[in-house]
Amino acid sequence: PVFPVQAYGITPYFMAYPGTVSLRATTYAAVIRDILDSLKIAGFRRIL
């Protein structure tokens, strides 16, 4: 199974281009940890 794409990343350098959305590094790190925590709780043990 493939999960939906995490569509927002870290891209502060392009913020002068309308439509760009950037997460703070701390926010992004927290999102990744929360995703991994959720997958572990579900029972996934090998993740790409």
All heavy atoms as atom14 arrays in JSON, in Angstrom:
{
  "sequence": "PVFPVQAYGITPYFMAYPGTVSLRATTYAAVIRDILDSLKIAGFRRIL",
  "atom14_mask": [
    [1, 1, 1, 1, 1, 1, 1, 0, 0, 0, 0, 0, 0, 0],
    [1, 1, 1, 1, 1, 1, 1, 0, 0, 0, 0, 0, 0, 0],
    [1, 1, 1, 1, 1, 1, 1, 1, 1, 1, 1, 0, 0, 0],
    [1, 1, 1, 1, 1, 1, 1, 0, 0, 0, 0, 0, 0, 0],
    [1, 1, 1, 1, 1, 1, 1, 0, 0, 0, 0, 0, 0, 0],
    [1, 1, 1, 1, 1, 1, 1, 1, 1, 0, 0, 0, 0, 0],
    [1, 1, 1, 1, 1, 0, 0, 0, 0, 0, 0, 0, 0, 0],
    [1, 1, 1, 1, 1, 1, 1, 1, 1, 1, 1, 1, 0, 0],
    [1, 1, 1, 1, 0, 0, 0, 0, 0, 0, 0, 0, 0, 0],
    [1, 1, 1, 1, 1, 1, 1, 1, 0, 0, 0, 0, 0, 0],
    [1, 1, 1, 1, 1, 1, 1, 0, 0, 0, 0, 0, 0, 0],
    [1, 1, 1, 1, 1, 1, 1, 0, 0, 0, 0, 0, 0, 0],
    [1, 1, 1, 1, 1, 1, 1, 1, 1, 1, 1, 1, 0, 0],
    [1, 1, 1, 1, 1, 1, 1, 1, 1, 1, 1, 0, 0, 0],
    [1, 1, 1, 1, 1, 1, 1, 1, 0, 0, 0, 0, 0, 0],
    [1, 1, 1, 1, 1, 0, 0, 0, 0, 0, 0, 0, 0, 0],
    [1, 1, 1, 1, 1, 1, 1, 1, 1, 1, 1, 1, 0, 0],
    [1, 1, 1, 1, 1, 1, 1, 0, 0, 0, 0, 0, 0, 0],
    [1, 1, 1, 1, 0, 0, 0, 0, 0, 0, 0, 0, 0, 0],
    [1, 1, 1, 1, 1, 1, 1, 0, 0, 0, 0, 0, 0, 0],
    [1, 1, 1, 1, 1, 1, 1, 0, 0, 0, 0, 0, 0, 0],
    [1, 1, 1, 1, 1, 1, 0, 0, 0, 0, 0, 0, 0, 0],
    [1, 1, 1, 1, 1, 1, 1, 1, 0, 0, 0, 0, 0, 0],
    [1, 1, 1, 1, 1, 1, 1, 1, 1, 1, 1, 0, 0, 0],
    [1, 1, 1, 1, 1, 0, 0, 0, 0, 0, 0, 0, 0, 0],
    [1, 1, 1, 1, 1, 1, 1, 0, 0, 0, 0, 0, 0, 0],
    [1, 1, 1, 1, 1, 1, 1, 0, 0, 0, 0, 0, 0, 0],
    [1, 1, 1, 1, 1, 1, 1, 1, 1, 1, 1, 1, 0, 0],
    [1, 1, 1, 1, 1, 0, 0, 0, 0, 0, 0, 0, 0, 0],
    [1, 1, 1, 1, 1, 0, 0, 0, 0, 0, 0, 0, 0, 0],
    [1, 1, 1, 1, 1, 1, 1, 0, 0, 0, 0, 0, 0, 0],
    [1, 1, 1, 1, 1, 1, 1, 1, 0, 0, 0, 0, 0, 0],
    [1, 1, 1, 1, 1, 1, 1, 1, 1, 1, 1, 0, 0, 0],
    [1, 1, 1, 1, 1, 1, 1, 1, 0, 0, 0, 0, 0, 0],
    [1, 1, 1, 1, 1, 1, 1, 1, 0, 0, 0, 0, 0, 0],
    [1, 1, 1, 1, 1, 1, 1, 1, 0, 0, 0, 0, 0, 0],
    [1, 1, 1, 1, 1, 1, 1, 1, 0, 0, 0, 0, 0, 0],
    [1, 1, 1, 1, 1, 1, 0, 0, 0, 0, 0, 0, 0, 0],
    [1, 1, 1, 1, 1, 1, 1, 1, 0, 0, 0, 0, 0, 0],
    [1, 1, 1, 1, 1, 1, 1, 1, 1, 0, 0, 0, 0, 0],
    [1, 1, 1, 1, 1, 1, 1, 1, 0, 0, 0, 0, 0, 0],
    [1, 1, 1, 1, 1, 0, 0, 0, 0, 0, 0, 0, 0, 0],
    [1, 1, 1, 1, 0, 0, 0, 0, 0, 0, 0, 0, 0, 0],
    [1, 1, 1, 1, 1, 1, 1, 1, 1, 1, 1, 0, 0, 0],
    [1, 1, 1, 1, 1, 1, 1, 1, 1, 1, 1, 0, 0, 0],
    [1, 1, 1, 1, 1, 1, 1, 1, 1, 1, 1, 0, 0, 0],
    [1, 1, 1, 1, 1, 1, 1, 1, 0, 0, 0, 0, 0, 0],
    [1, 1, 1, 1, 1, 1, 1, 1, 0, 0, 0, 0, 0, 0]
  ],
  "atom14_positions": [
    [[0.8, -1.22, 0.0], [0.0, 0.0, 0.0], [0.84, 1.27, 0.0], [1.91, 1.33, 0.61], [-0.83, -0.12, 1.28], [-0.06, -1.03, 2.17], [0.66, -1.98, 1.26], [0.0, 0.0, 0.0], [0.0, 0.0, 0.0], [0.0, 0.0, 0.0], [0.0, 0.0, 0.0], [0.0, 0.0, 0.0], [0.0, 0.0, 0.0], [0.0, 0.0, 0.0]],
    [[0.31, 2.28, -0.69], [0.95, 3.59, -0.78], [0.02, 4.62, -0.16], [-1.15, 4.75, -0.56], [1.25, 3.95, -2.24], [1.85, 5.36, -2.33], [2.18, 2.92, -2.87], [0.0, 0.0, 0.0], [0.0, 0.0, 0.0], [0.0, 0.0, 0.0], [0.0, 0.0, 0.0], [0.0, 0.0, 0.0], [0.0, 0.0, 0.0], [0.0, 0.0, 0.0]],
    [[0.53, 5.34, 0.8], [-0.26, 6.37, 1.47], [-0.33, 7.63, 0.61], [0.5, 7.84, -0.27], [0.34, 6.69, 2.84], [-0.06, 5.69, 3.89], [0.57, 4.46, 3.98], [-1.08, 5.98, 4.78], [0.18, 3.52, 4.93], [-1.48, 5.06, 5.73], [-0.85, 3.83, 5.81], [0.0, 0.0, 0.0], [0.0, 0.0, 0.0], [0.0, 0.0, 0.0]],
    [[-1.32, 8.49, 0.85], [-1.39, 9.76, 0.13], [-0.11, 10.57, 0.34], [0.5, 10.52, 1.42], [-2.6, 10.47, 0.75], [-3.44, 9.36, 1.29], [-2.47, 8.32, 1.77], [0.0, 0.0, 0.0], [0.0, 0.0, 0.0], [0.0, 0.0, 0.0], [0.0, 0.0, 0.0], [0.0, 0.0, 0.0], [0.0, 0.0, 0.0], [0.0, 0.0, 0.0]],
    [[0.27, 11.32, -0.65], [1.5, 12.1, -0.58], [1.4, 13.19, 0.48], [0.34, 13.81, 0.66], [1.83, 12.71, -1.96], [0.77, 13.73, -2.38], [3.22, 13.33, -1.97], [0.0, 0.0, 0.0], [0.0, 0.0, 0.0], [0.0, 0.0, 0.0], [0.0, 0.0, 0.0], [0.0, 0.0, 0.0], [0.0, 0.0, 0.0], [0.0, 0.0, 0.0]],
    [[2.5, 13.38, 1.21], [2.62, 14.54, 2.1], [3.0, 15.72, 1.21], [4.14, 15.86, 0.78], [3.69, 14.29, 3.17], [4.15, 15.51, 3.96], [3.03, 16.26, 4.63], [2.05, 15.66, 5.07], [3.15, 17.55, 4.72], [0.0, 0.0, 0.0], [0.0, 0.0, 0.0], [0.0, 0.0, 0.0], [0.0, 0.0, 0.0], [0.0, 0.0, 0.0]],
    [[2.02, 16.56, 0.9], [2.16, 17.53, -0.19], [2.83, 18.84, 0.19], [3.05, 19.7, -0.69], [0.78, 17.83, -0.79], [0.0, 0.0, 0.0], [0.0, 0.0, 0.0], [0.0, 0.0, 0.0], [0.0, 0.0, 0.0], [0.0, 0.0, 0.0], [0.0, 0.0, 0.0], [0.0, 0.0, 0.0], [0.0, 0.0, 0.0], [0.0, 0.0, 0.0]],
    [[3.15, 19.03, 1.46], [3.82, 20.27, 1.88], [5.16, 19.92, 2.48], [5.26, 19.01, 3.32], [2.96, 21.04, 2.88], [1.61, 21.41, 2.32], [0.45, 20.8, 2.78], [1.5, 22.34, 1.29], [-0.78, 21.12, 2.25], [0.27, 22.67, 0.75], [-0.87, 22.05, 1.23], [-2.09, 22.36, 0.7], [0.0, 0.0, 0.0], [0.0, 0.0, 0.0]],
    [[6.2, 20.63, 2.04], [7.54, 20.37, 2.52], [8.24, 21.64, 2.95], [7.61, 22.64, 3.3], [0.0, 0.0, 0.0], [0.0, 0.0, 0.0], [0.0, 0.0, 0.0], [0.0, 0.0, 0.0], [0.0, 0.0, 0.0], [0.0, 0.0, 0.0], [0.0, 0.0, 0.0], [0.0, 0.0, 0.0], [0.0, 0.0, 0.0], [0.0, 0.0, 0.0]],
    [[9.57, 21.58, 2.94], [10.4, 22.71, 3.39], [10.94, 23.42, 2.15], [11.79, 22.89, 1.44], [11.56, 22.2, 4.27], [11.01, 21.41, 5.46], [12.41, 23.38, 4.74], [12.09, 20.74, 6.29], [0.0, 0.0, 0.0], [0.0, 0.0, 0.0], [0.0, 0.0, 0.0], [0.0, 0.0, 0.0], [0.0, 0.0, 0.0], [0.0, 0.0, 0.0]],
    [[10.46, 24.61, 1.89], [10.88, 25.35, 0.69], [10.81, 26.85, 0.9], [10.17, 27.58, 0.14], [10.03, 24.91, -0.53], [10.44, 25.64, -1.68], [8.54, 25.08, -0.27], [0.0, 0.0, 0.0], [0.0, 0.0, 0.0], [0.0, 0.0, 0.0], [0.0, 0.0, 0.0], [0.0, 0.0, 0.0], [0.0, 0.0, 0.0], [0.0, 0.0, 0.0]],
    [[11.49, 27.37, 1.94], [11.39, 28.8, 2.26], [11.97, 29.72, 1.19], [11.55, 30.87, 1.05], [12.17, 28.92, 3.58], [13.14, 27.77, 3.54], [12.39, 26.66, 2.86], [0.0, 0.0, 0.0], [0.0, 0.0, 0.0], [0.0, 0.0, 0.0], [0.0, 0.0, 0.0], [0.0, 0.0, 0.0], [0.0, 0.0, 0.0], [0.0, 0.0, 0.0]],
    [[12.92, 29.23, 0.42], [13.6, 30.05, -0.58], [12.7, 30.44, -1.74], [12.99, 31.38, -2.47], [14.83, 29.29, -1.11], [14.67, 27.79, -1.08], [13.99, 27.11, -2.08], [15.17, 27.06, 0.0], [13.81, 25.74, -2.03], [14.99, 25.69, 0.06], [14.31, 25.03, -0.96], [14.11, 23.68, -0.89], [0.0, 0.0, 0.0], [0.0, 0.0, 0.0]],
    [[11.58, 29.74, -1.94], [10.68, 30.05, -3.06], [9.43, 30.82, -2.62], [8.47, 30.93, -3.37], [10.24, 28.76, -3.75], [11.32, 28.07, -4.53], [11.3, 26.69, -4.71], [12.36, 28.79, -5.1], [12.3, 26.05, -5.44], [13.36, 28.16, -5.82], [13.33, 26.78, -5.99], [0.0, 0.0, 0.0], [0.0, 0.0, 0.0], [0.0, 0.0, 0.0]],
    [[9.46, 31.39, -1.43], [8.26, 32.03, -0.91], [7.88, 33.32, -1.64], [6.77, 33.83, -1.46], [8.42, 32.3, 0.59], [8.35, 31.03, 1.43], [6.84, 30.07, 1.18], [5.6, 31.2, 1.81], [0.0, 0.0, 0.0], [0.0, 0.0, 0.0], [0.0, 0.0, 0.0], [0.0, 0.0, 0.0], [0.0, 0.0, 0.0], [0.0, 0.0, 0.0]],
    [[8.75, 33.83, -2.48], [8.4, 35.01, -3.28], [7.62, 34.64, -4.52], [7.21, 35.51, -5.29], [9.66, 35.79, -3.66], [0.0, 0.0, 0.0], [0.0, 0.0, 0.0], [0.0, 0.0, 0.0], [0.0, 0.0, 0.0], [0.0, 0.0, 0.0], [0.0, 0.0, 0.0], [0.0, 0.0, 0.0], [0.0, 0.0, 0.0], [0.0, 0.0, 0.0]],
    [[7.41, 33.34, -4.75], [6.62, 32.86, -5.88], [5.23, 32.46, -5.37], [5.11, 31.51, -4.58], [7.29, 31.65, -6.53], [8.58, 31.95, -7.24], [9.81, 31.9, -6.57], [8.6, 32.26, -8.61], [11.01, 32.16, -7.24], [9.78, 32.51, -9.28], [10.98, 32.46, -8.6], [12.16, 32.71, -9.24], [0.0, 0.0, 0.0], [0.0, 0.0, 0.0]],
    [[4.18, 33.15, -5.78], [2.83, 32.83, -5.29], [2.45, 31.38, -5.55], [2.73, 30.83, -6.61], [1.94, 33.78, -6.1], [2.83, 34.94, -6.43], [4.18, 34.33, -6.67], [0.0, 0.0, 0.0], [0.0, 0.0, 0.0], [0.0, 0.0, 0.0], [0.0, 0.0, 0.0], [0.0, 0.0, 0.0], [0.0, 0.0, 0.0], [0.0, 0.0, 0.0]],
    [[1.81, 30.79, -4.57], [1.39, 29.39, -4.65], [2.29, 28.45, -3.88], [1.9, 27.33, -3.57], [0.0, 0.0, 0.0], [0.0, 0.0, 0.0], [0.0, 0.0, 0.0], [0.0, 0.0, 0.0], [0.0, 0.0, 0.0], [0.0, 0.0, 0.0], [0.0, 0.0, 0.0], [0.0, 0.0, 0.0], [0.0, 0.0, 0.0], [0.0, 0.0, 0.0]],
    [[3.49, 28.91, -3.57], [4.43, 28.11, -2.78], [3.98, 28.06, -1.32], [3.56, 29.07, -0.77], [5.85, 28.69, -2.86], [6.3, 28.63, -4.22], [6.82, 27.94, -1.96], [0.0, 0.0, 0.0], [0.0, 0.0, 0.0], [0.0, 0.0, 0.0], [0.0, 0.0, 0.0], [0.0, 0.0, 0.0], [0.0, 0.0, 0.0], [0.0, 0.0, 0.0]],
    [[4.06, 26.88, -0.72], [3.74, 26.7, 0.7], [4.93, 26.01, 1.35], [5.4, 24.98, 0.87], [2.47, 25.84, 0.89], [2.22, 25.59, 2.37], [1.27, 26.51, 0.25], [0.0, 0.0, 0.0], [0.0, 0.0, 0.0], [0.0, 0.0, 0.0], [0.0, 0.0, 0.0], [0.0, 0.0, 0.0], [0.0, 0.0, 0.0], [0.0, 0.0, 0.0]],
    [[5.42, 26.59, 2.45], [6.59, 26.02, 3.13], [6.28, 25.78, 4.6], [5.69, 26.63, 5.27], [7.79, 26.95, 3.0], [8.95, 26.38, 3.59], [0.0, 0.0, 0.0], [0.0, 0.0, 0.0], [0.0, 0.0, 0.0], [0.0, 0.0, 0.0], [0.0, 0.0, 0.0], [0.0, 0.0, 0.0], [0.0, 0.0, 0.0], [0.0, 0.0, 0.0]],
    [[6.68, 24.62, 5.09], [6.58, 24.32, 6.51], [7.91, 24.63, 7.19], [8.97, 24.47, 6.6], [6.25, 22.84, 6.73], [4.95, 22.3, 6.12], [4.78, 20.84, 6.49], [3.75, 23.11, 6.56], [0.0, 0.0, 0.0], [0.0, 0.0, 0.0], [0.0, 0.0, 0.0], [0.0, 0.0, 0.0], [0.0, 0.0, 0.0], [0.0, 0.0, 0.0]],
    [[7.84, 25.09, 8.44], [9.07, 25.25, 9.22], [9.71, 23.87, 9.42], [9.02, 22.85, 9.49], [8.77, 25.89, 10.57], [8.41, 27.37, 10.48], [8.18, 27.95, 11.87], [8.05, 29.39, 11.8], [6.91, 30.04, 11.55], [5.8, 29.33, 11.33], [6.87, 31.35, 11.52], [0.0, 0.0, 0.0], [0.0, 0.0, 0.0], [0.0, 0.0, 0.0]],
    [[11.02, 23.87, 9.56], [11.72, 22.59, 9.73], [11.22, 21.85, 10.96], [11.08, 20.62, 10.94], [13.23, 22.84, 9.84], [0.0, 0.0, 0.0], [0.0, 0.0, 0.0], [0.0, 0.0, 0.0], [0.0, 0.0, 0.0], [0.0, 0.0, 0.0], [0.0, 0.0, 0.0], [0.0, 0.0, 0.0], [0.0, 0.0, 0.0], [0.0, 0.0, 0.0]],
    [[10.92, 22.58, 12.03], [10.42, 21.94, 13.25], [9.04, 21.34, 13.02], [8.73, 20.25, 13.52], [10.37, 22.94, 14.4], [9.66, 24.13, 13.98], [11.77, 23.33, 14.85], [0.0, 0.0, 0.0], [0.0, 0.0, 0.0], [0.0, 0.0, 0.0], [0.0, 0.0, 0.0], [0.0, 0.0, 0.0], [0.0, 0.0, 0.0], [0.0, 0.0, 0.0]],
    [[8.22, 22.05, 12.26], [6.88, 21.54, 11.94], [6.99, 20.28, 11.1], [6.31, 19.27, 11.36], [6.06, 22.59, 11.18], [5.97, 23.78, 11.97], [4.67, 22.09, 10.85], [0.0, 0.0, 0.0], [0.0, 0.0, 0.0], [0.0, 0.0, 0.0], [0.0, 0.0, 0.0], [0.0, 0.0, 0.0], [0.0, 0.0, 0.0], [0.0, 0.0, 0.0]],
    [[7.85, 20.33, 10.1], [8.0, 19.19, 9.2], [8.51, 17.97, 9.95], [8.01, 16.85, 9.75], [8.95, 19.55, 8.05], [8.94, 18.53, 6.94], [7.84, 18.4, 6.11], [10.03, 17.69, 6.73], [7.82, 17.46, 5.09], [10.03, 16.76, 5.71], [8.91, 16.65, 4.89], [8.89, 15.71, 3.89], [0.0, 0.0, 0.0], [0.0, 0.0, 0.0]],
    [[9.49, 18.17, 10.8], [10.02, 17.06, 11.59], [8.93, 16.44, 12.44], [8.83, 15.21, 12.56], [11.18, 17.54, 12.46], [0.0, 0.0, 0.0], [0.0, 0.0, 0.0], [0.0, 0.0, 0.0], [0.0, 0.0, 0.0], [0.0, 0.0, 0.0], [0.0, 0.0, 0.0], [0.0, 0.0, 0.0], [0.0, 0.0, 0.0], [0.0, 0.0, 0.0]],
    [[8.08, 17.29, 13.03], [6.99, 16.78, 13.87], [5.98, 16.0, 13.04], [5.45, 14.97, 13.49], [6.31, 17.94, 14.6], [0.0, 0.0, 0.0], [0.0, 0.0, 0.0], [0.0, 0.0, 0.0], [0.0, 0.0, 0.0], [0.0, 0.0, 0.0], [0.0, 0.0, 0.0], [0.0, 0.0, 0.0], [0.0, 0.0, 0.0], [0.0, 0.0, 0.0]],
    [[5.69, 16.49, 11.83], [4.75, 15.79, 10.94], [5.29, 14.4, 10.58], [4.57, 13.4, 10.64], [4.49, 16.61, 9.67], [3.76, 15.78, 8.62], [3.68, 17.86, 10.0], [0.0, 0.0, 0.0], [0.0, 0.0, 0.0], [0.0, 0.0, 0.0], [0.0, 0.0, 0.0], [0.0, 0.0, 0.0], [0.0, 0.0, 0.0], [0.0, 0.0, 0.0]],
    [[6.56, 14.33, 10.21], [7.16, 13.04, 9.85], [7.12, 12.08, 11.03], [6.76, 10.9, 10.88], [8.61, 13.22, 9.35], [8.64, 14.06, 8.06], [9.28, 11.87, 9.13], [7.87, 13.44, 6.91], [0.0, 0.0, 0.0], [0.0, 0.0, 0.0], [0.0, 0.0, 0.0], [0.0, 0.0, 0.0], [0.0, 0.0, 0.0], [0.0, 0.0, 0.0]],
    [[7.45, 12.56, 12.21], [7.41, 11.69, 13.39], [5.99, 11.2, 13.65], [5.78, 10.03, 13.99], [7.96, 12.43, 14.61], [9.47, 12.67, 14.59], [9.98, 13.09, 15.95], [9.91, 11.99, 16.89], [10.95, 11.17, 17.16], [12.11, 11.33, 16.54], [10.82, 10.2, 18.04], [0.0, 0.0, 0.0], [0.0, 0.0, 0.0], [0.0, 0.0, 0.0]],
    [[5.01, 12.09, 13.51], [3.62, 11.7, 13.76], [3.16, 10.66, 12.74], [2.42, 9.73, 13.08], [2.7, 12.92, 13.71], [2.81, 13.78, 14.97], [3.48, 13.35, 15.93], [2.22, 14.88, 14.98], [0.0, 0.0, 0.0], [0.0, 0.0, 0.0], [0.0, 0.0, 0.0], [0.0, 0.0, 0.0], [0.0, 0.0, 0.0], [0.0, 0.0, 0.0]],
    [[3.58, 10.82, 11.48], [3.22, 9.83, 10.45], [3.82, 8.47, 10.81], [3.14, 7.44, 10.77], [3.71, 10.3, 9.07], [2.87, 11.5, 8.59], [3.62, 9.15, 8.05], [3.41, 12.15, 7.33], [0.0, 0.0, 0.0], [0.0, 0.0, 0.0], [0.0, 0.0, 0.0], [0.0, 0.0, 0.0], [0.0, 0.0, 0.0], [0.0, 0.0, 0.0]],
    [[5.1, 8.46, 11.16], [5.76, 7.2, 11.51], [5.15, 6.57, 12.75], [4.95, 5.35, 12.81], [7.26, 7.43, 11.7], [8.04, 7.84, 10.44], [9.5, 8.15, 10.8], [7.97, 6.76, 9.37], [0.0, 0.0, 0.0], [0.0, 0.0, 0.0], [0.0, 0.0, 0.0], [0.0, 0.0, 0.0], [0.0, 0.0, 0.0], [0.0, 0.0, 0.0]],
    [[4.82, 7.4, 13.75], [4.16, 6.88, 14.95], [2.84, 6.2, 14.59], [2.51, 5.12, 15.09], [3.89, 8.01, 15.95], [5.12, 8.47, 16.7], [6.13, 7.71, 16.74], [5.1, 9.58, 17.27], [0.0, 0.0, 0.0], [0.0, 0.0, 0.0], [0.0, 0.0, 0.0], [0.0, 0.0, 0.0], [0.0, 0.0, 0.0], [0.0, 0.0, 0.0]],
    [[2.07, 6.85, 13.71], [0.77, 6.32, 13.32], [0.91, 4.99, 12.59], [0.13, 4.04, 12.82], [0.03, 7.33, 12.44], [-0.22, 8.53, 13.14], [0.0, 0.0, 0.0], [0.0, 0.0, 0.0], [0.0, 0.0, 0.0], [0.0, 0.0, 0.0], [0.0, 0.0, 0.0], [0.0, 0.0, 0.0], [0.0, 0.0, 0.0], [0.0, 0.0, 0.0]],
    [[1.89, 4.91, 11.69], [2.1, 3.68, 10.95], [2.53, 2.54, 11.87], [2.09, 1.39, 11.7], [3.14, 3.89, 9.84], [2.75, 4.86, 8.73], [3.84, 4.91, 7.67], [1.42, 4.49, 8.1], [0.0, 0.0, 0.0], [0.0, 0.0, 0.0], [0.0, 0.0, 0.0], [0.0, 0.0, 0.0], [0.0, 0.0, 0.0], [0.0, 0.0, 0.0]],
    [[3.35, 2.85, 12.85], [3.77, 1.81, 13.8], [2.58, 1.31, 14.61], [2.42, 0.09, 14.81], [4.86, 2.35, 14.74], [5.29, 1.3, 15.75], [6.31, 1.8, 16.75], [6.63, 0.7, 17.76], [7.63, 1.15, 18.76], [0.0, 0.0, 0.0], [0.0, 0.0, 0.0], [0.0, 0.0, 0.0], [0.0, 0.0, 0.0], [0.0, 0.0, 0.0]],
    [[1.75, 2.23, 15.08], [0.58, 1.82, 15.86], [-0.31, 0.89, 15.04], [-0.87, -0.09, 15.55], [-0.2, 3.07, 16.33], [0.6, 3.82, 17.38], [-1.57, 2.68, 16.88], [0.04, 5.18, 17.74], [0.0, 0.0, 0.0], [0.0, 0.0, 0.0], [0.0, 0.0, 0.0], [0.0, 0.0, 0.0], [0.0, 0.0, 0.0], [0.0, 0.0, 0.0]],
    [[-0.43, 1.19, 13.74], [-1.27, 0.36, 12.87], [-0.7, -1.04, 12.68], [-1.45, -1.99, 12.45], [-1.43, 1.03, 11.51], [0.0, 0.0, 0.0], [0.0, 0.0, 0.0], [0.0, 0.0, 0.0], [0.0, 0.0, 0.0], [0.0, 0.0, 0.0], [0.0, 0.0, 0.0], [0.0, 0.0, 0.0], [0.0, 0.0, 0.0], [0.0, 0.0, 0.0]],
    [[0.62, -1.16, 12.75], [1.24, -2.47, 12.57], [2.26, -2.54, 11.46], [2.83, -3.61, 11.19], [0.0, 0.0, 0.0], [0.0, 0.0, 0.0], [0.0, 0.0, 0.0], [0.0, 0.0, 0.0], [0.0, 0.0, 0.0], [0.0, 0.0, 0.0], [0.0, 0.0, 0.0], [0.0, 0.0, 0.0], [0.0, 0.0, 0.0], [0.0, 0.0, 0.0]],
    [[2.54, -1.42, 10.79], [3.56, -1.4, 9.75], [4.94, -1.42, 10.39], [5.19, -0.71, 11.36], [3.39, -0.17, 8.85], [2.13, -0.18, 8.04], [1.01, 0.54, 8.45], [2.05, -0.92, 6.87], [-0.16, 0.52, 7.7], [0.88, -0.95, 6.12], [-0.22, -0.22, 6.54], [0.0, 0.0, 0.0], [0.0, 0.0, 0.0], [0.0, 0.0, 0.0]],
    [[5.82, -2.22, 9.83], [7.16, -2.34, 10.4], [8.27, -2.09, 9.38], [9.44, -1.97, 9.76], [7.34, -3.75, 10.99], [6.46, -4.0, 12.23], [6.87, -3.1, 13.38], [6.08, -3.32, 14.59], [4.95, -2.66, 14.88], [4.5, -1.73, 14.05], [4.3, -2.9, 15.99], [0.0, 0.0, 0.0], [0.0, 0.0, 0.0], [0.0, 0.0, 0.0]],
    [[7.94, -2.01, 8.11], [8.93, -1.7, 7.07], [8.36, -0.6, 6.18], [7.35, -0.82, 5.5], [9.27, -2.96, 6.26], [10.01, -4.03, 7.05], [10.23, -5.29, 6.22], [8.97, -5.99, 5.95], [8.83, -6.94, 5.04], [9.86, -7.27, 4.26], [7.67, -7.54, 4.87], [0.0, 0.0, 0.0], [0.0, 0.0, 0.0], [0.0, 0.0, 0.0]],
    [[9.0, 0.55, 6.21], [8.43, 1.76, 5.6], [9.44, 2.41, 4.67], [10.61, 2.59, 5.03], [8.01, 2.76, 6.7], [6.99, 2.12, 7.66], [7.45, 4.04, 6.08], [6.85, 2.86, 8.97], [0.0, 0.0, 0.0], [0.0, 0.0, 0.0], [0.0, 0.0, 0.0], [0.0, 0.0, 0.0], [0.0, 0.0, 0.0], [0.0, 0.0, 0.0]],
    [[8.98, 2.77, 3.48], [9.8, 3.55, 2.55], [9.23, 4.95, 2.44], [8.05, 5.13, 2.13], [9.81, 2.9, 1.17], [10.66, 3.64, 0.12], [12.15, 3.48, 0.41], [10.35, 3.15, -1.3], [0.0, 0.0, 0.0], [0.0, 0.0, 0.0], [0.0, 0.0, 0.0], [0.0, 0.0, 0.0], [0.0, 0.0, 0.0], [0.0, 0.0, 0.0]]
  ]
}
